[in-house]
C-alpha atoms as a PDB file:
ATOM      1  CA  MET A   1      -1.377   0.391  -9.756  1.00  0.00           C
ATOM      2  CA  VAL A   2      -0.798   2.429  -6.611  1.00  0.00           C
ATOM      3  CA  VAL A   3      -3.893   3.839  -4.894  1.00  0.00           C
ATOM      4  CA  ALA A   4      -2.674   6.129  -2.117  1.00  0.00           C
ATOM      5  CA  THR A   5      -5.982   6.876  -0.419  1.00  0.00           C
ATOM      6  CA  CYS A   6      -7.411   5.847   2.935  1.00  0.00           C
ATOM      7  CA  GLU A   7      -9.037   2.423   3.085  1.00  0.00           C
ATOM      8  CA  SER A   8      -8.739   1.867  -0.683  1.00  0.00           C
ATOM      9  CA  ALA A   9      -8.070  -1.864  -0.126  1.00  0.00           C
ATOM     10  CA  ILE A  10     -11.266  -2.422   1.854  1.00  0.00           C
ATOM     11  CA  SER A  11     -14.270  -4.036   0.240  1.00  0.00           C
ATOM     12  CA  GLY A  12     -17.696  -4.343   1.777  1.00  0.00           C
ATOM     13  CA  GLY A  13     -20.453  -6.755   1.025  1.00  0.00           C
ATOM     14  CA  ARG A  14     -24.203  -6.753   1.141  1.00  0.00           C
ATOM     15  CA  ALA A  15     -26.449  -9.763   1.614  1.00  0.00           C
ATOM     16  CA  GLY A  16     -26.743 -11.524  -1.743  1.00  0.00           C
ATOM     17  CA  ALA A  17     -24.209  -9.232  -3.417  1.00  0.00           C
ATOM     18  CA  GLN A  18     -20.566  -9.605  -4.373  1.00  0.00           C
ATOM     19  CA  LEU A  19     -17.827  -7.701  -2.616  1.00  0.00           C
ATOM     20  CA  HIS A  20     -17.470  -4.179  -3.880  1.00  0.00           C
ATOM     21  CA  GLY A  21     -14.911  -1.467  -3.366  1.00  0.00           C
ATOM     22  CA  LEU A  22     -12.248   0.414  -5.260  1.00  0.00           C
ATOM     23  CA  ALA A  23      -9.552  -2.266  -5.143  1.00  0.00           C
ATOM     24  CA  SER A  24     -11.849  -5.147  -6.053  1.00  0.00           C
ATOM     25  CA  THR A  25     -13.329  -3.109  -8.899  1.00  0.00           C
ATOM     26  CA  LEU A  26      -9.857  -2.298 -10.280  1.00  0.00           C
ATOM     27  CA  LEU A  27      -8.891  -5.973 -10.128  1.00  0.00           C
ATOM     28  CA  GLN A  28     -12.092  -6.940 -11.947  1.00  0.00           C
ATOM     29  CA  LEU A  29     -11.281  -4.358 -14.617  1.00  0.00           C
ATOM     30  CA  GLY A  30      -7.897  -5.976 -15.270  1.00  0.00           C
ATOM     31  CA  ALA A  31      -5.368  -4.449 -12.877  1.00  0.00           C
ATOM     32  CA  ARG A  32      -2.843  -7.182 -12.075  1.00  0.00           C
ATOM     33  CA  THR A  33      -1.476  -5.744  -8.847  1.00  0.00           C
ATOM     34  CA  ILE A  34      -2.651  -2.943  -6.601  1.00  0.00           C
ATOM     35  CA  ILE A  35      -0.911  -1.270  -3.696  1.00  0.00           C
ATOM     36  CA  ALA A  36      -3.620   0.131  -1.450  1.00  0.00           C
ATOM     37  CA  ALA A  37      -4.360   1.013   2.173  1.00  0.00           C
ATOM     38  CA  VAL A  38      -6.463  -0.975   4.630  1.00  0.00           C
ATOM     39  CA  GLY A  39      -6.745   1.958   7.032  1.00  0.00           C
ATOM     40  CA  ALA A  40      -6.109   5.655   7.412  1.00  0.00           C
ATOM     41  CA  LEU A  41      -3.183   6.926   5.376  1.00  0.00           C
ATOM     42  CA  PRO A  42      -1.951  10.192   6.889  1.00  0.00           C
ATOM     43  CA  ASP A  43      -1.040  13.114   4.655  1.00  0.00           C
ATOM     44  CA  ASP A  44       2.455  13.451   6.064  1.00  0.00           C
ATOM     45  CA  GLU A  45       6.143  13.114   5.275  1.00  0.00           C
ATOM     46  CA  CYS A  46       6.223   9.378   5.969  1.00  0.00           C
ATOM     47  CA  THR A  47       3.417   8.660   3.496  1.00  0.00           C
ATOM     48  CA  ARG A  48       5.058  10.897   0.910  1.00  0.00           C
ATOM     49  CA  ASP A  49       8.447   9.229   1.349  1.00  0.00           C
ATOM     50  CA  THR A  50       6.854   5.765   1.249  1.00  0.00           C
ATOM     51  CA  MET A  51       4.963   6.517  -1.972  1.00  0.00           C
ATOM     52  CA  ILE A  52       8.032   8.034  -3.626  1.00  0.00           C
ATOM     53  CA  GLY A  53      10.077   4.992  -2.594  1.00  0.00           C
ATOM     54  CA  VAL A  54       7.447   2.569  -3.920  1.00  0.00           C
ATOM     55  CA  HIS A  55       7.284   4.355  -7.269  1.00  0.00           C
ATOM     56  CA  ARG A  56      11.090   4.409  -7.564  1.00  0.00           C
ATOM     57  CA  ASP A  57      11.277   0.717  -6.703  1.00  0.00           C
ATOM     58  CA  ILE A  58       8.666  -0.189  -9.297  1.00  0.00           C
ATOM     59  CA  GLN A  59      10.506   1.880 -11.935  1.00  0.00           C
ATOM     60  CA  ALA A  60      13.644  -0.070 -11.031  1.00  0.00           C
ATOM     61  CA  GLY A  61      11.844  -3.364 -11.613  1.00  0.00           C
ATOM     62  CA  ILE A  62      11.241  -4.279  -7.976  1.00  0.00           C
ATOM     63  CA  GLY A  63       7.879  -5.983  -7.426  1.00  0.00           C
ATOM     64  CA  ALA A  64       5.111  -4.380  -5.406  1.00  0.00           C
ATOM     65  CA  ALA A  65       5.300  -6.783  -2.452  1.00  0.00           C
ATOM     66  CA  ASP A  66       9.088  -6.565  -2.298  1.00  0.00           C
ATOM     67  CA  SER A  67       8.905  -2.783  -2.415  1.00  0.00           C
ATOM     68  CA  LEU A  68       6.468  -2.641   0.486  1.00  0.00           C
ATOM     69  CA  ALA A  69       8.697  -5.009   2.455  1.00  0.00           C
ATOM     70  CA  ARG A  70      11.623  -2.636   1.826  1.00  0.00           C
ATOM     71  CA  ARG A  71       9.529   0.346   2.962  1.00  0.00           C
ATOM     72  CA  ARG A  72       8.465  -1.483   6.140  1.00  0.00           C
ATOM     73  CA  ALA A  73      12.056  -2.408   6.940  1.00  0.00           C
ATOM     74  CA  ALA A  74      13.113   1.216   6.399  1.00  0.00           C
ATOM     75  CA  SER A  75      10.389   2.456   8.775  1.00  0.00           C
ATOM     76  CA  LEU A  76      11.885   0.283  11.520  1.00  0.00           C
ATOM     77  CA  ARG A  77      15.337   1.837  11.083  1.00  0.00           C
ATOM     78  CA  ALA A  78      15.059   5.307  12.575  1.00  0.00           C
ATOM     79  CA  SER A  79      18.091   7.572  12.686  1.00  0.00           C
ATOM     80  CA  ASP A  80      18.009   7.681  16.502  1.00  0.00           C
ATOM     81  CA  GLY A  81      17.495   3.934  16.865  1.00  0.00           C
ATOM     82  CA  ALA A  82      13.834   4.119  17.930  1.00  0.00           C
ATOM     83  CA  PRO A  83      11.266   3.687  15.133  1.00  0.00           C
ATOM     84  CA  ASP A  84       8.499   6.282  14.893  1.00  0.00           C
ATOM     85  CA  VAL A  85       5.172   4.609  15.735  1.00  0.00           C
ATOM     86  CA  VAL A  86       3.305   6.604  13.053  1.00  0.00           C
ATOM     87  CA  ASP A  87       5.861   5.639  10.393  1.00  0.00           C
ATOM     88  CA  VAL A  88       5.584   1.954  11.304  1.00  0.00           C
ATOM     89  CA  ALA A  89       1.773   2.129  11.311  1.00  0.00           C
ATOM     90  CA  THR A  90       1.735   3.933   7.945  1.00  0.00           C
ATOM     91  CA  SER A  91       3.917   1.306   6.292  1.00  0.00           C
ATOM     92  CA  ALA A  92       1.795  -1.476   7.808  1.00  0.00           C
ATOM     93  CA  THR A  93      -1.400   0.087   6.423  1.00  0.00           C
ATOM     94  CA  LEU A  94      -0.294  -0.523   2.832  1.00  0.00           C
ATOM     95  CA  VAL A  95      -0.894  -3.926   1.235  1.00  0.00           C
ATOM     96  CA  THR A  96      -0.550  -5.544  -2.167  1.00  0.00           C
ATOM     97  CA  LEU A  97      -3.520  -7.200  -3.852  1.00  0.00           C
ATOM     98  CA  GLY A  98      -3.515  -9.315  -6.997  1.00  0.00           C
ATOM     99  CA  VAL A  99      -0.515 -10.838  -8.754  1.00  0.00           C
ATOM    100  CA  GLY A 100       2.429  -9.561 -10.745  1.00  0.00           C
ATOM    101  CA  THR A 101       3.958  -6.100 -10.542  1.00  0.00           C
ATOM    102  CA  ALA A 102       2.157  -2.826  -9.955  1.00  0.00           C
END
């Protein structure tokens, strides 16, 4: 499952309570693997291209973690030789949780 929203991978806890949050709830409900963000996910071209690439990879049978690794590597290869800091930060914000494929 891909959850392309800000901080969707973050769980918080309260004294005497279990962790709660969107990602942990989805895992408890049976999702095997989640791609989610641990920080702000900008609504920009990089995020769009990353999400499209992740979905295409998953359709092609590439696992979630491998797909994110491919997206991170792509963000470091800018056309002018210097990676865009926002693109690198966006790709680093996304993580995989759980096991299996998304």
